[in-house]
Amino acid sequence: MVFAGSAVRFSGATREFACPVCGGLVFGGRVGRDDSFTIYAGSLDDPSLFRPQVAIFTRGRPEWAVIPAGLKVYAGLPG
């Protein structure tokens, strides 16, 4: 899920951490520097509360990766 920076509030300290083994992300973007943030549904306590509105990077998706009807679809990043 991508949100405009003005729609996201962070509380507490944030930090960047690169894990060479798992690479798990909570959110993408740099607080105080970027205009938008990507929040990964798998990092939420209850991801079922959110419904996707766009599908990105669909160009190389495998056939079994079904895109739900009604989504805006982009082969790469929306532009």
Protein backbone atom coordinates (compact mmCIF):
# COMPACT_ATOMS: atom_id res chain seq x y z
CA MET A 1 0.00 0.00 0.00
CA VAL A 2 1.42 3.38 -0.97
CA PHE A 3 0.37 6.45 0.98
CA ALA A 4 1.13 10.14 0.50
CA GLY A 5 3.50 11.41 3.17
CA SER A 6 0.78 13.77 4.43
CA ALA A 7 -1.51 10.77 5.11
CA VAL A 8 0.99 8.94 7.32
CA ARG A 9 1.99 9.74 10.88
CA PHE A 10 4.96 8.14 12.59
CA SER A 11 5.43 8.21 16.33
CA GLY A 12 8.64 7.37 18.10
CA ALA A 13 12.06 7.04 16.57
CA THR A 14 12.53 5.42 13.17
CA ARG A 15 15.70 3.88 11.83
CA GLU A 16 16.95 2.15 8.76
CA PHE A 17 18.12 -1.42 9.10
CA ALA A 18 19.29 -3.76 6.39
CA CYS A 19 19.10 -7.43 7.29
CA PRO A 20 21.40 -9.42 5.03
CA VAL A 21 19.49 -12.63 5.74
CA CYS A 22 15.76 -11.87 5.77
CA GLY A 23 15.42 -8.34 4.39
CA GLY A 24 12.00 -7.99 6.02
CA LEU A 25 10.52 -4.50 5.66
CA VAL A 26 7.91 -2.74 7.76
CA PHE A 27 7.64 0.34 5.58
CA GLY A 28 9.45 1.88 2.63
CA GLY A 29 10.52 5.48 2.54
CA ARG A 30 12.60 7.76 4.70
CA VAL A 31 10.76 9.71 7.40
CA GLY A 32 11.31 13.43 6.95
CA ARG A 33 12.73 12.99 3.44
CA ASP A 34 10.25 11.20 1.16
CA ASP A 35 6.85 12.33 -0.13
CA SER A 36 5.26 8.88 0.01
CA PHE A 37 5.59 5.69 2.00
CA THR A 38 4.94 2.05 1.25
CA ILE A 39 3.46 0.13 4.14
CA TYR A 40 3.67 -3.64 3.76
CA ALA A 41 0.41 -5.39 4.61
CA GLY A 42 2.29 -8.37 6.03
CA SER A 43 3.74 -6.11 8.72
CA LEU A 44 0.31 -5.11 10.07
CA ASP A 45 -1.47 -6.72 13.00
CA ASP A 46 -4.60 -7.23 10.89
CA PRO A 47 -3.91 -6.89 7.14
CA SER A 48 -7.48 -7.99 6.33
CA LEU A 49 -8.67 -4.46 7.22
CA PHE A 50 -7.02 -3.07 4.08
CA ARG A 51 -8.09 -3.64 0.49
CA PRO A 52 -5.62 -3.12 -2.38
CA GLN A 53 -6.44 -0.46 -4.96
CA VAL A 54 -3.49 -0.92 -7.34
CA ALA A 55 -1.22 -3.74 -8.50
CA ILE A 56 2.35 -2.69 -9.36
CA PHE A 57 5.26 -4.51 -11.00
CA THR A 58 2.88 -6.90 -12.74
CA ARG A 59 5.06 -7.25 -15.86
CA GLY A 60 6.96 -10.30 -14.60
CA ARG A 61 4.34 -11.88 -12.38
CA PRO A 62 3.78 -15.63 -12.64
CA GLU A 63 0.44 -16.82 -14.02
CA TRP A 64 -0.65 -18.12 -10.61
CA ALA A 65 -0.41 -14.61 -9.10
CA VAL A 66 -4.02 -13.57 -9.64
CA ILE A 67 -4.82 -9.85 -9.72
CA PRO A 68 -8.23 -9.15 -8.18
CA ALA A 69 -10.80 -7.50 -10.45
CA GLY A 70 -11.15 -3.76 -10.17
CA LEU A 71 -7.51 -2.91 -9.39
CA LYS A 72 -5.54 -0.34 -11.35
CA VAL A 73 -2.72 -2.36 -12.91
CA TYR A 74 0.80 -1.08 -13.64
CA ALA A 75 3.56 -3.08 -15.31
CA GLY A 76 6.13 -1.15 -13.23
CA LEU A 77 5.87 1.85 -10.95
CA PRO A 78 2.88 4.13 -11.54
CA GLY A 79 4.00 7.18 -13.42
